[in-house]
């Protein structure tokens, strides 16, 4: 039965594949940026670190990094669980635990990013 507007599993797989690639490009690029900044002009004390970390663009970059990293992790872990955990109860349990853990990490990162001020 063909339902209008419904996605096939191949379309869903393509979207997951594309999201994995797009998120990995940003995560890798931002990691290189942070590494270069820390190698070229590392903050000398806590106030310098807080000033760099608290600037608007850097905080926005970190926020985007965390969100995309969590999306990347969820897609990857979900794919592994769907492929290798066959009992439905086990797969759902592990997916719920993983989602809960990733959400907790996301809230923790948000609390850190919102608390830091220049």
PDB file of N, CA and C in Angstrom:
ATOM      1  N   UNK A   1       0.841  -1.178   0.000  1.00  0.00           N
ATOM      2  CA  UNK A   1       0.000   0.000   0.000  1.00  0.00           C
ATOM      3  C   UNK A   1       0.885   1.239   0.000  1.00  0.00           C
ATOM      4  N   UNK A   2       0.639   2.137  -0.890  1.00  0.00           N
ATOM      5  CA  UNK A   2       1.423   3.356  -1.023  1.00  0.00           C
ATOM      6  C   UNK A   2       0.663   4.515  -0.383  1.00  0.00           C
ATOM      7  N   UNK A   3       1.215   5.071   0.691  1.00  0.00           N
ATOM      8  CA  UNK A   3       0.570   6.175   1.396  1.00  0.00           C
ATOM      9  C   UNK A   3       1.204   7.477   0.906  1.00  0.00           C
ATOM     10  N   UNK A   4       0.381   8.406   0.400  1.00  0.00           N
ATOM     11  CA  UNK A   4       0.940   9.679  -0.073  1.00  0.00           C
ATOM     12  C   UNK A   4       1.648  10.427   1.055  1.00  0.00           C
ATOM     13  N   UNK A   5       2.805  10.940   0.762  1.00  0.00           N
ATOM     14  CA  UNK A   5       3.558  11.717   1.729  1.00  0.00           C
ATOM     15  C   UNK A   5       4.406  10.881   2.680  1.00  0.00           C
ATOM     16  N   UNK A   6       4.238   9.568   2.662  1.00  0.00           N
ATOM     17  CA  UNK A   6       5.034   8.713   3.555  1.00  0.00           C
ATOM     18  C   UNK A   6       6.403   8.473   2.933  1.00  0.00           C
ATOM     19  N   UNK A   7       7.398   8.374   3.801  1.00  0.00           N
ATOM     20  CA  UNK A   7       8.754   8.120   3.315  1.00  0.00           C
ATOM     21  C   UNK A   7       9.009   6.623   3.320  1.00  0.00           C
ATOM     22  N   UNK A   8       9.741   6.188   2.329  1.00  0.00           N
ATOM     23  CA  UNK A   8      10.147   4.782   2.321  1.00  0.00           C
ATOM     24  C   UNK A   8      11.367   4.623   3.212  1.00  0.00           C
ATOM     25  N   UNK A   9      11.709   3.385   3.533  1.00  0.00           N
ATOM     26  CA  UNK A   9      12.869   3.151   4.402  1.00  0.00           C
ATOM     27  C   UNK A   9      14.153   3.594   3.721  1.00  0.00           C
ATOM     28  N   UNK A  10      14.213   3.551   2.393  1.00  0.00           N
ATOM     29  CA  UNK A  10      15.423   4.008   1.710  1.00  0.00           C
ATOM     30  C   UNK A  10      15.573   5.526   1.838  1.00  0.00           C
ATOM     31  N   UNK A  11      14.471   6.265   1.823  1.00  0.00           N
ATOM     32  CA  UNK A  11      14.547   7.708   2.014  1.00  0.00           C
ATOM     33  C   UNK A  11      14.976   8.025   3.440  1.00  0.00           C
ATOM     34  N   UNK A  12      14.450   7.291   4.408  1.00  0.00           N
ATOM     35  CA  UNK A  12      14.829   7.493   5.800  1.00  0.00           C
ATOM     36  C   UNK A  12      16.312   7.193   5.995  1.00  0.00           C
ATOM     37  N   UNK A  13      16.792   6.145   5.381  1.00  0.00           N
ATOM     38  CA  UNK A  13      18.207   5.791   5.468  1.00  0.00           C
ATOM     39  C   UNK A  13      19.091   6.860   4.840  1.00  0.00           C
ATOM     40  N   UNK A  14      18.639   7.434   3.740  1.00  0.00           N
ATOM     41  CA  UNK A  14      19.413   8.481   3.090  1.00  0.00           C
ATOM     42  C   UNK A  14      19.484   9.721   3.962  1.00  0.00           C
ATOM     43  N   UNK A  15      18.360  10.065   4.589  1.00  0.00           N
ATOM     44  CA  UNK A  15      18.342  11.243   5.454  1.00  0.00           C
ATOM     45  C   UNK A  15      19.279  11.034   6.639  1.00  0.00           C
ATOM     46  N   UNK A  16      19.261   9.852   7.235  1.00  0.00           N
ATOM     47  CA  UNK A  16      20.186   9.555   8.336  1.00  0.00           C
ATOM     48  C   UNK A  16      21.630   9.627   7.862  1.00  0.00           C
ATOM     49  N   UNK A  17      21.901   9.066   6.709  1.00  0.00           N
ATOM     50  CA  UNK A  17      23.259   9.092   6.154  1.00  0.00           C
ATOM     51  C   UNK A  17      23.701  10.539   5.940  1.00  0.00           C
ATOM     52  N   UNK A  18      22.828  11.352   5.358  1.00  0.00           N
ATOM     53  CA  UNK A  18      23.159  12.743   5.087  1.00  0.00           C
ATOM     54  C   UNK A  18      23.375  13.524   6.390  1.00  0.00           C
ATOM     55  N   UNK A  19      22.516  13.314   7.380  1.00  0.00           N
ATOM     56  CA  UNK A  19      22.682  13.994   8.661  1.00  0.00           C
ATOM     57  C   UNK A  19      24.000  13.603   9.323  1.00  0.00           C
ATOM     58  N   UNK A  20      24.355  12.325   9.244  1.00  0.00           N
ATOM     59  CA  UNK A  20      25.629  11.881   9.811  1.00  0.00           C
ATOM     60  C   UNK A  20      26.790  12.624   9.156  1.00  0.00           C
ATOM     61  N   UNK A  21      26.753  12.752   7.847  1.00  0.00           N
ATOM     62  CA  UNK A  21      27.847  13.417   7.133  1.00  0.00           C
ATOM     63  C   UNK A  21      27.900  14.901   7.441  1.00  0.00           C
ATOM     64  N   UNK A  22      26.742  15.562   7.446  1.00  0.00           N
ATOM     65  CA  UNK A  22      26.712  17.006   7.704  1.00  0.00           C
ATOM     66  C   UNK A  22      27.149  17.324   9.130  1.00  0.00           C
ATOM     67  N   UNK A  23      26.663  16.557  10.097  1.00  0.00           N
ATOM     68  CA  UNK A  23      27.052  16.819  11.479  1.00  0.00           C
ATOM     69  C   UNK A  23      28.533  16.530  11.688  1.00  0.00           C
ATOM     70  N   UNK A  24      29.045  15.503  11.035  1.00  0.00           N
ATOM     71  CA  UNK A  24      30.468  15.179  11.223  1.00  0.00           C
ATOM     72  C   UNK A  24      31.365  16.265  10.633  1.00  0.00           C
ATOM     73  N   UNK A  25      30.941  16.899   9.551  1.00  0.00           N
ATOM     74  CA  UNK A  25      31.738  17.976   8.961  1.00  0.00           C
ATOM     75  C   UNK A  25      31.852  19.142   9.938  1.00  0.00           C
ATOM     76  N   UNK A  26      30.732  19.538  10.541  1.00  0.00           N
ATOM     77  CA  UNK A  26      30.790  20.654  11.489  1.00  0.00           C
ATOM     78  C   UNK A  26      31.580  20.273  12.735  1.00  0.00           C
ATOM     79  N   UNK A  27      31.312  19.094  13.296  1.00  0.00           N
ATOM     80  CA  UNK A  27      31.995  18.669  14.521  1.00  0.00           C
ATOM     81  C   UNK A  27      33.503  18.617  14.291  1.00  0.00           C
ATOM     82  N   UNK A  28      33.920  18.044  13.187  1.00  0.00           N
ATOM     83  CA  UNK A  28      35.353  17.963  12.892  1.00  0.00           C
ATOM     84  C   UNK A  28      35.949  19.353  12.655  1.00  0.00           C
ATOM     85  N   UNK A  29      35.246  20.186  11.896  1.00  0.00           N
ATOM     86  CA  UNK A  29      35.742  21.536  11.622  1.00  0.00           C
ATOM     87  C   UNK A  29      35.861  22.374  12.888  1.00  0.00           C
ATOM     88  N   UNK A  30      34.882  22.277  13.759  1.00  0.00           N
ATOM     89  CA  UNK A  30      34.931  23.051  14.998  1.00  0.00           C
ATOM     90  C   UNK A  30      36.024  22.521  15.916  1.00  0.00           C
ATOM     91  N   UNK A  31      36.219  21.214  15.946  1.00  0.00           N
ATOM     92  CA  UNK A  31      37.293  20.635  16.761  1.00  0.00           C
ATOM     93  C   UNK A  31      38.656  21.129  16.270  1.00  0.00           C
ATOM     94  N   UNK A  32      38.839  21.220  14.967  1.00  0.00           N
ATOM     95  CA  UNK A  32      40.092  21.741  14.409  1.00  0.00           C
ATOM     96  C   UNK A  32      40.251  23.211  14.783  1.00  0.00           C
ATOM     97  N   UNK A  33      39.174  23.980  14.695  1.00  0.00           N
ATOM     98  CA  UNK A  33      39.222  25.398  15.078  1.00  0.00           C
ATOM     99  C   UNK A  33      39.653  25.547  16.539  1.00  0.00           C
ATOM    100  N   UNK A  34      39.034  24.792  17.436  1.00  0.00           N
ATOM    101  CA  UNK A  34      39.372  24.877  18.865  1.00  0.00           C
ATOM    102  C   UNK A  34      40.823  24.465  19.088  1.00  0.00           C
ATOM    103  N   UNK A  35      41.261  23.402  18.410  1.00  0.00           N
ATOM    104  CA  UNK A  35      42.652  22.959  18.561  1.00  0.00           C
ATOM    105  C   UNK A  35      43.623  24.044  18.102  1.00  0.00           C
ATOM    106  N   UNK A  36      43.331  24.690  16.986  1.00  0.00           N
ATOM    107  CA  UNK A  36      44.213  25.748  16.477  1.00  0.00           C
ATOM    108  C   UNK A  36      44.234  26.935  17.442  1.00  0.00           C
ATOM    109  N   UNK A  37      43.060  27.334  17.925  1.00  0.00           N
ATOM    110  CA  UNK A  37      43.007  28.455  18.871  1.00  0.00           C
ATOM    111  C   UNK A  37      43.812  28.126  20.123  1.00  0.00           C
ATOM    112  N   UNK A  38      43.665  26.919  20.649  1.00  0.00           N
ATOM    113  CA  UNK A  38      44.364  26.544  21.874  1.00  0.00           C
ATOM    114  C   UNK A  38      45.863  26.359  21.653  1.00  0.00           C
ATOM    115  N   UNK A  39      46.271  26.032  20.436  1.00  0.00           N
ATOM    116  CA  UNK A  39      47.703  25.910  20.143  1.00  0.00           C
ATOM    117  C   UNK A  39      48.349  27.260  19.856  1.00  0.00           C
ATOM    118  N   UNK A  40      47.645  28.128  19.141  1.00  0.00           N
ATOM    119  CA  UNK A  40      48.214  29.402  18.727  1.00  0.00           C
ATOM    120  C   UNK A  40      48.212  30.416  19.873  1.00  0.00           C
ATOM    121  N   UNK A  41      47.085  30.566  20.524  1.00  0.00           N
ATOM    122  CA  UNK A  41      47.011  31.540  21.622  1.00  0.00           C
ATOM    123  C   UNK A  41      46.174  30.969  22.762  1.00  0.00           C
ATOM    124  N   UNK A  42      46.748  30.069  23.529  1.00  0.00           N
ATOM    125  CA  UNK A  42      45.987  29.452  24.623  1.00  0.00           C
ATOM    126  C   UNK A  42      45.689  30.473  25.719  1.00  0.00           C
ATOM    127  N   UNK A  43      44.522  30.361  26.326  1.00  0.00           N
ATOM    128  CA  UNK A  43      44.209  31.257  27.444  1.00  0.00           C
ATOM    129  C   UNK A  43      45.203  31.020  28.581  1.00  0.00           C
ATOM    130  N   UNK A  44      45.748  32.109  29.137  1.00  0.00           N
ATOM    131  CA  UNK A  44      46.797  31.993  30.147  1.00  0.00           C
ATOM    132  C   UNK A  44      46.246  31.766  31.546  1.00  0.00           C
ATOM    133  N   UNK A  45      45.009  32.191  31.790  1.00  0.00           N
ATOM    134  CA  UNK A  45      44.415  31.988  33.101  1.00  0.00           C
ATOM    135  C   UNK A  45      42.911  31.781  32.939  1.00  0.00           C
ATOM    136  N   UNK A  46      42.243  31.590  34.065  1.00  0.00           N
ATOM    137  CA  UNK A  46      40.814  31.311  34.033  1.00  0.00           C
ATOM    138  C   UNK A  46      40.023  32.458  33.430  1.00  0.00           C
ATOM    139  N   UNK A  47      40.389  33.671  33.751  1.00  0.00           N
ATOM    140  CA  UNK A  47      39.656  34.831  33.216  1.00  0.00           C
ATOM    141  C   UNK A  47      39.800  34.931  31.702  1.00  0.00           C
ATOM    142  N   UNK A  48      40.986  34.639  31.191  1.00  0.00           N
ATOM    143  CA  UNK A  48      41.185  34.644  29.729  1.00  0.00           C
ATOM    144  C   UNK A  48      40.353  33.543  29.076  1.00  0.00           C
ATOM    145  N   UNK A  49      40.333  32.376  29.710  1.00  0.00           N
ATOM    146  CA  UNK A  49      39.535  31.257  29.195  1.00  0.00           C
ATOM    147  C   UNK A  49      38.052  31.625  29.208  1.00  0.00           C
ATOM    148  N   UNK A  50      37.611  32.205  30.305  1.00  0.00           N
ATOM    149  CA  UNK A  50      36.218  32.587  30.440  1.00  0.00           C
ATOM    150  C   UNK A  50      35.855  33.673  29.428  1.00  0.00           C
ATOM    151  N   UNK A  51      36.766  34.613  29.191  1.00  0.00           N
ATOM    152  CA  UNK A  51      36.519  35.654  28.210  1.00  0.00           C
ATOM    153  C   UNK A  51      36.392  35.099  26.803  1.00  0.00           C
ATOM    154  N   UNK A  52      37.272  34.167  26.446  1.00  0.00           N
ATOM    155  CA  UNK A  52      37.194  33.551  25.107  1.00  0.00           C
ATOM    156  C   UNK A  52      35.943  32.699  24.989  1.00  0.00           C
ATOM    157  N   UNK A  53      35.718  31.863  25.981  1.00  0.00           N
ATOM    158  CA  UNK A  53      34.582  30.943  25.948  1.00  0.00           C
ATOM    159  C   UNK A  53      33.254  31.692  26.029  1.00  0.00           C
ATOM    160  N   UNK A  54      33.243  32.834  26.686  1.00  0.00           N
ATOM    161  CA  UNK A  54      32.016  33.580  26.879  1.00  0.00           C
ATOM    162  C   UNK A  54      31.642  34.500  25.739  1.00  0.00           C
ATOM    163  N   UNK A  55      32.537  34.680  24.750  1.00  0.00           N
ATOM    164  CA  UNK A  55      32.179  35.557  23.637  1.00  0.00           C
ATOM    165  C   UNK A  55      31.037  34.944  22.824  1.00  0.00           C
ATOM    166  N   UNK A  56      30.221  35.808  22.247  1.00  0.00           N
ATOM    167  CA  UNK A  56      28.996  35.363  21.574  1.00  0.00           C
ATOM    168  C   UNK A  56      29.187  34.312  20.504  1.00  0.00           C
ATOM    169  N   UNK A  57      30.133  34.545  19.593  1.00  0.00           N
ATOM    170  CA  UNK A  57      30.317  33.605  18.488  1.00  0.00           C
ATOM    171  C   UNK A  57      30.869  32.266  18.975  1.00  0.00           C
ATOM    172  N   UNK A  58      31.756  32.310  19.947  1.00  0.00           N
ATOM    173  CA  UNK A  58      32.332  31.060  20.461  1.00  0.00           C
ATOM    174  C   UNK A  58      31.266  30.262  21.204  1.00  0.00           C
ATOM    175  N   UNK A  59      30.465  30.941  22.014  1.00  0.00           N
ATOM    176  CA  UNK A  59      29.380  30.231  22.708  1.00  0.00           C
ATOM    177  C   UNK A  59      28.375  29.655  21.735  1.00  0.00           C
ATOM    178  N   UNK A  60      28.043  30.401  20.704  1.00  0.00           N
ATOM    179  CA  UNK A  60      27.140  29.897  19.681  1.00  0.00           C
ATOM    180  C   UNK A  60      27.751  28.696  18.972  1.00  0.00           C
ATOM    181  N   UNK A  61      29.053  28.781  18.664  1.00  0.00           N
ATOM    182  CA  UNK A  61      29.746  27.658  18.039  1.00  0.00           C
ATOM    183  C   UNK A  61      29.741  26.426  18.921  1.00  0.00           C
ATOM    184  N   UNK A  62      29.980  26.617  20.231  1.00  0.00           N
ATOM    185  CA  UNK A  62      29.947  25.487  21.173  1.00  0.00           C
ATOM    186  C   UNK A  62      28.542  24.912  21.280  1.00  0.00           C
ATOM    187  N   UNK A  63      27.528  25.774  21.324  1.00  0.00           N
ATOM    188  CA  UNK A  63      26.148  25.295  21.421  1.00  0.00           C
ATOM    189  C   UNK A  63      25.794  24.456  20.196  1.00  0.00           C
ATOM    190  N   UNK A  64      26.140  24.950  19.022  1.00  0.00           N
ATOM    191  CA  UNK A  64      25.888  24.201  17.796  1.00  0.00           C
ATOM    192  C   UNK A  64      26.676  22.903  17.784  1.00  0.00           C
ATOM    193  N   UNK A  65      27.916  22.951  18.264  1.00  0.00           N
ATOM    194  CA  UNK A  65      28.750  21.752  18.367  1.00  0.00           C
ATOM    195  C   UNK A  65      28.079  20.691  19.233  1.00  0.00           C
ATOM    196  N   UNK A  66      27.587  21.103  20.385  1.00  0.00           N
ATOM    197  CA  UNK A  66      26.956  20.136  21.307  1.00  0.00           C
ATOM    198  C   UNK A  66      25.699  19.544  20.681  1.00  0.00           C
ATOM    199  N   UNK A  67      24.852  20.383  20.106  1.00  0.00           N
ATOM    200  CA  UNK A  67      23.610  19.892  19.503  1.00  0.00           C
ATOM    201  C   UNK A  67      23.910  18.917  18.363  1.00  0.00           C
ATOM    202  N   UNK A  68      24.825  19.291  17.494  1.00  0.00           N
ATOM    203  CA  UNK A  68      25.142  18.421  16.356  1.00  0.00           C
ATOM    204  C   UNK A  68      25.860  17.144  16.793  1.00  0.00           C
ATOM    205  N   UNK A  69      26.677  17.240  17.820  1.00  0.00           N
ATOM    206  CA  UNK A  69      27.338  16.047  18.345  1.00  0.00           C
ATOM    207  C   UNK A  69      26.317  15.078  18.933  1.00  0.00           C
ATOM    208  N   UNK A  70      25.331  15.596  19.645  1.00  0.00           N
ATOM    209  CA  UNK A  70      24.287  14.733  20.208  1.00  0.00           C
ATOM    210  C   UNK A  70      23.434  14.101  19.112  1.00  0.00           C
ATOM    211  N   UNK A  71      23.110  14.866  18.074  1.00  0.00           N
ATOM    212  CA  UNK A  71      22.367  14.305  16.939  1.00  0.00           C
ATOM    213  C   UNK A  71      23.186  13.223  16.271  1.00  0.00           C
ATOM    214  N   UNK A  72      24.456  13.490  16.052  1.00  0.00           N
ATOM    215  CA  UNK A  72      25.357  12.527  15.414  1.00  0.00           C
ATOM    216  C   UNK A  72      25.433  11.245  16.245  1.00  0.00           C
ATOM    217  N   UNK A  73      25.587  11.406  17.547  1.00  0.00           N
ATOM    218  CA  UNK A  73      25.673  10.238  18.435  1.00  0.00           C
ATOM    219  C   UNK A  73      24.368   9.447  18.424  1.00  0.00           C
ATOM    220  N   UNK A  74      23.235  10.132  18.458  1.00  0.00           N
ATOM    221  CA  UNK A  74      21.950   9.443  18.465  1.00  0.00           C
ATOM    222  C   UNK A  74      21.755   8.627  17.184  1.00  0.00           C
ATOM    223  N   UNK A  75      22.028   9.222  16.047  1.00  0.00           N
ATOM    224  CA  UNK A  75      21.841   8.509  14.784  1.00  0.00           C
ATOM    225  C   UNK A  75      22.752   7.283  14.717  1.00  0.00           C
ATOM    226  N   UNK A  76      24.007   7.463  15.108  1.00  0.00           N
ATOM    227  CA  UNK A  76      24.946   6.337  15.065  1.00  0.00           C
ATOM    228  C   UNK A  76      24.571   5.224  16.019  1.00  0.00           C
ATOM    229  N   UNK A  77      24.251   5.589  17.263  1.00  0.00           N
ATOM    230  CA  UNK A  77      23.884   4.565  18.247  1.00  0.00           C
ATOM    231  C   UNK A  77      22.567   3.883  17.864  1.00  0.00           C
ATOM    232  N   UNK A  78      21.611   4.652  17.376  1.00  0.00           N
ATOM    233  CA  UNK A  78      20.334   4.070  16.962  1.00  0.00           C
ATOM    234  C   UNK A  78      20.534   3.063  15.836  1.00  0.00           C
ATOM    235  N   UNK A  79      21.387   3.401  14.889  1.00  0.00           N
ATOM    236  CA  UNK A  79      21.651   2.479  13.777  1.00  0.00           C
ATOM    237  C   UNK A  79      22.270   1.179  14.272  1.00  0.00           C
ATOM    238  N   UNK A  80      23.222   1.292  15.188  1.00  0.00           N
ATOM    239  CA  UNK A  80      23.863   0.093  15.737  1.00  0.00           C
ATOM    240  C   UNK A  80      22.841  -0.748  16.493  1.00  0.00           C
ATOM    241  N   UNK A  81      22.032  -0.114  17.328  1.00  0.00           N
ATOM    242  CA  UNK A  81      21.036  -0.858  18.100  1.00  0.00           C
ATOM    243  C   UNK A  81      20.007  -1.521  17.198  1.00  0.00           C
ATOM    244  N   UNK A  82      19.572  -0.810  16.164  1.00  0.00           N
ATOM    245  CA  UNK A  82      18.578  -1.382  15.247  1.00  0.00           C
ATOM    246  C   UNK A  82      19.146  -2.589  14.507  1.00  0.00           C
ATOM    247  N   UNK A  83      20.434  -2.553  14.212  1.00  0.00           N
ATOM    248  CA  UNK A  83      21.046  -3.655  13.474  1.00  0.00           C
ATOM    249  C   UNK A  83      21.376  -4.860  14.344  1.00  0.00           C
ATOM    250  N   UNK A  84      21.770  -4.629  15.611  1.00  0.00           N
ATOM    251  CA  UNK A  84      22.337  -5.720  16.401  1.00  0.00           C
ATOM    252  C   UNK A  84      21.523  -6.135  17.612  1.00  0.00           C
ATOM    253  N   UNK A  85      20.540  -5.364  18.028  1.00  0.00           N
ATOM    254  CA  UNK A  85      19.690  -5.760  19.144  1.00  0.00           C
ATOM    255  C   UNK A  85      18.351  -6.224  18.588  1.00  0.00           C
ATOM    256  N   UNK A  86      18.159  -7.525  18.535  1.00  0.00           N
ATOM    257  CA  UNK A  86      16.977  -8.060  17.864  1.00  0.00           C
ATOM    258  C   UNK A  86      15.731  -8.155  18.741  1.00  0.00           C
ATOM    259  N   UNK A  87      15.829  -8.549  20.022  1.00  0.00           N
ATOM    260  CA  UNK A  87      14.595  -8.557  20.834  1.00  0.00           C
ATOM    261  C   UNK A  87      14.068  -7.133  21.005  1.00  0.00           C
ATOM    262  N   UNK A  88      12.796  -6.958  20.699  1.00  0.00           N
ATOM    263  CA  UNK A  88      12.206  -5.625  20.717  1.00  0.00           C
ATOM    264  C   UNK A  88      12.304  -4.974  22.090  1.00  0.00           C
ATOM    265  N   UNK A  89      12.068  -5.709  23.151  1.00  0.00           N
ATOM    266  CA  UNK A  89      12.110  -5.137  24.504  1.00  0.00           C
ATOM    267  C   UNK A  89      13.506  -4.617  24.833  1.00  0.00           C
ATOM    268  N   UNK A  90      14.536  -5.358  24.387  1.00  0.00           N
ATOM    269  CA  UNK A  90      15.910  -4.944  24.656  1.00  0.00           C
ATOM    270  C   UNK A  90      16.264  -3.704  23.836  1.00  0.00           C
ATOM    271  N   UNK A  91      15.875  -3.708  22.573  1.00  0.00           N
ATOM    272  CA  UNK A  91      16.163  -2.569  21.700  1.00  0.00           C
ATOM    273  C   UNK A  91      15.495  -1.297  22.226  1.00  0.00           C
ATOM    274  N   UNK A  92      14.222  -1.391  22.603  1.00  0.00           N
ATOM    275  CA  UNK A  92      13.516  -0.220  23.117  1.00  0.00           C
ATOM    276  C   UNK A  92      14.117   0.259  24.436  1.00  0.00           C
ATOM    277  N   UNK A  93      14.482  -0.676  25.298  1.00  0.00           N
ATOM    278  CA  UNK A  93      15.083  -0.300  26.585  1.00  0.00           C
ATOM    279  C   UNK A  93      16.391   0.450  26.378  1.00  0.00           C
ATOM    280  N   UNK A  94      17.229  -0.072  25.510  1.00  0.00           N
ATOM    281  CA  UNK A  94      18.524   0.556  25.266  1.00  0.00           C
ATOM    282  C   UNK A  94      18.350   1.903  24.562  1.00  0.00           C
ATOM    283  N   UNK A  95      17.386   1.994  23.647  1.00  0.00           N
ATOM    284  CA  UNK A  95      17.124   3.270  22.985  1.00  0.00           C
ATOM    285  C   UNK A  95      16.633   4.320  23.978  1.00  0.00           C
ATOM    286  N   UNK A  96      15.762   3.932  24.896  1.00  0.00           N
ATOM    287  CA  UNK A  96      15.266   4.880  25.901  1.00  0.00           C
ATOM    288  C   UNK A  96      16.400   5.314  26.815  1.00  0.00           C
ATOM    289  N   UNK A  97      17.235   4.377  27.253  1.00  0.00           N
ATOM    290  CA  UNK A  97      18.371   4.725  28.108  1.00  0.00           C
ATOM    291  C   UNK A  97      19.350   5.645  27.385  1.00  0.00           C
ATOM    292  N   UNK A  98      19.607   5.367  26.133  1.00  0.00           N
ATOM    293  CA  UNK A  98      20.517   6.197  25.344  1.00  0.00           C
ATOM    294  C   UNK A  98      19.942   7.598  25.154  1.00  0.00           C
ATOM    295  N   UNK A  99      18.673   7.681  24.802  1.00  0.00           N
ATOM    296  CA  UNK A  99      18.029   8.989  24.619  1.00  0.00           C
ATOM    297  C   UNK A  99      18.051   9.781  25.918  1.00  0.00           C
ATOM    298  N   UNK A 100      17.780   9.107  27.024  1.00  0.00           N
ATOM    299  CA  UNK A 100      17.797   9.785  28.325  1.00  0.00           C
ATOM    300  C   UNK A 100      19.197  10.306  28.648  1.00  0.00           C
ATOM    301  N   UNK A 101      20.209   9.488  28.410  1.00  0.00           N
ATOM    302  CA  UNK A 101      21.585   9.909  28.654  1.00  0.00           C
ATOM    303  C   UNK A 101      22.002  11.073  27.774  1.00  0.00           C
ATOM    304  N   UNK A 102      21.648  11.020  26.499  1.00  0.00           N
ATOM    305  CA  UNK A 102      22.010  12.110  25.593  1.00  0.00           C
ATOM    306  C   UNK A 102      21.273  13.397  25.955  1.00  0.00           C
ATOM    307  N   UNK A 103      20.006  13.284  26.351  1.00  0.00           N
ATOM    308  CA  UNK A 103      19.280  14.479  26.789  1.00  0.00           C
ATOM    309  C   UNK A 103      19.895  15.065  28.047  1.00  0.00           C
ATOM    310  N   UNK A 104      20.290  14.212  28.975  1.00  0.00           N
ATOM    311  CA  UNK A 104      20.936  14.702  30.199  1.00  0.00           C
ATOM    312  C   UNK A 104      22.234  15.425  29.859  1.00  0.00           C
ATOM    313  N   UNK A 105      23.020  14.871  28.946  1.00  0.00           N
ATOM    314  CA  UNK A 105      24.250  15.535  28.524  1.00  0.00           C
ATOM    315  C   UNK A 105      23.953  16.873  27.842  1.00  0.00           C
ATOM    316  N   UNK A 106      22.895  16.912  27.048  1.00  0.00           N
ATOM    317  CA  UNK A 106      22.513  18.152  26.394  1.00  0.00           C
ATOM    318  C   UNK A 106      22.103  19.223  27.388  1.00  0.00           C
ATOM    319  N   UNK A 107      21.320  18.851  28.406  1.00  0.00           N
ATOM    320  CA  UNK A 107      20.927  19.826  29.439  1.00  0.00           C
ATOM    321  C   UNK A 107      22.128  20.277  30.255  1.00  0.00           C
ATOM    322  N   UNK A 108      23.037  19.371  30.532  1.00  0.00           N
ATOM    323  CA  UNK A 108      24.247  19.714  31.276  1.00  0.00           C
ATOM    324  C   UNK A 108      25.081  20.735  30.483  1.00  0.00           C
ATOM    325  N   UNK A 109      25.258  20.467  29.182  1.00  0.00           N
ATOM    326  CA  UNK A 109      26.012  21.392  28.327  1.00  0.00           C
ATOM    327  C   UNK A 109      25.307  22.740  28.240  1.00  0.00           C
ATOM    328  N   UNK A 110      23.977  22.729  28.145  1.00  0.00           N
ATOM    329  CA  UNK A 110      23.227  23.981  28.090  1.00  0.00           C
ATOM    330  C   UNK A 110      23.406  24.785  29.375  1.00  0.00           C
ATOM    331  N   UNK A 111      23.402  24.096  30.508  1.00  0.00           N
ATOM    332  CA  UNK A 111      23.612  24.789  31.779  1.00  0.00           C
ATOM    333  C   UNK A 111      24.990  25.432  31.833  1.00  0.00           C
ATOM    334  N   UNK A 112      25.994  24.729  31.320  1.00  0.00           N
ATOM    335  CA  UNK A 112      27.357  25.287  31.293  1.00  0.00           C
ATOM    336  C   UNK A 112      27.403  26.492  30.363  1.00  0.00           C
ATOM    337  N   UNK A 113      26.826  26.370  29.172  1.00  0.00           N
ATOM    338  CA  UNK A 113      26.888  27.467  28.204  1.00  0.00           C
ATOM    339  C   UNK A 113      26.098  28.683  28.681  1.00  0.00           C
ATOM    340  N   UNK A 114      25.021  28.477  29.391  1.00  0.00           N
ATOM    341  CA  UNK A 114      24.219  29.602  29.871  1.00  0.00           C
ATOM    342  C   UNK A 114      24.828  30.259  31.103  1.00  0.00           C
ATOM    343  N   UNK A 115      25.614  29.507  31.849  1.00  0.00           N
ATOM    344  CA  UNK A 115      26.213  30.034  33.077  1.00  0.00           C
ATOM    345  C   UNK A 115      27.443  30.884  32.782  1.00  0.00           C
ATOM    346  N   UNK A 116      28.162  30.578  31.725  1.00  0.00           N
ATOM    347  CA  UNK A 116      29.401  31.301  31.419  1.00  0.00           C
ATOM    348  C   UNK A 116      29.051  32.673  30.854  1.00  0.00           C
ATOM    349  N   UNK A 117      29.604  33.686  31.467  1.00  0.00           N
ATOM    350  CA  UNK A 117      29.397  35.061  30.973  1.00  0.00           C
ATOM    351  C   UNK A 117      30.735  35.773  30.948  1.00  0.00           C
ATOM    352  N   UNK A 118      30.948  36.624  29.955  1.00  0.00           N
ATOM    353  CA  UNK A 118      32.227  37.334  29.869  1.00  0.00           C
ATOM    354  C   UNK A 118      32.410  38.342  31.002  1.00  0.00           C
TER     355      UNK A 118
END
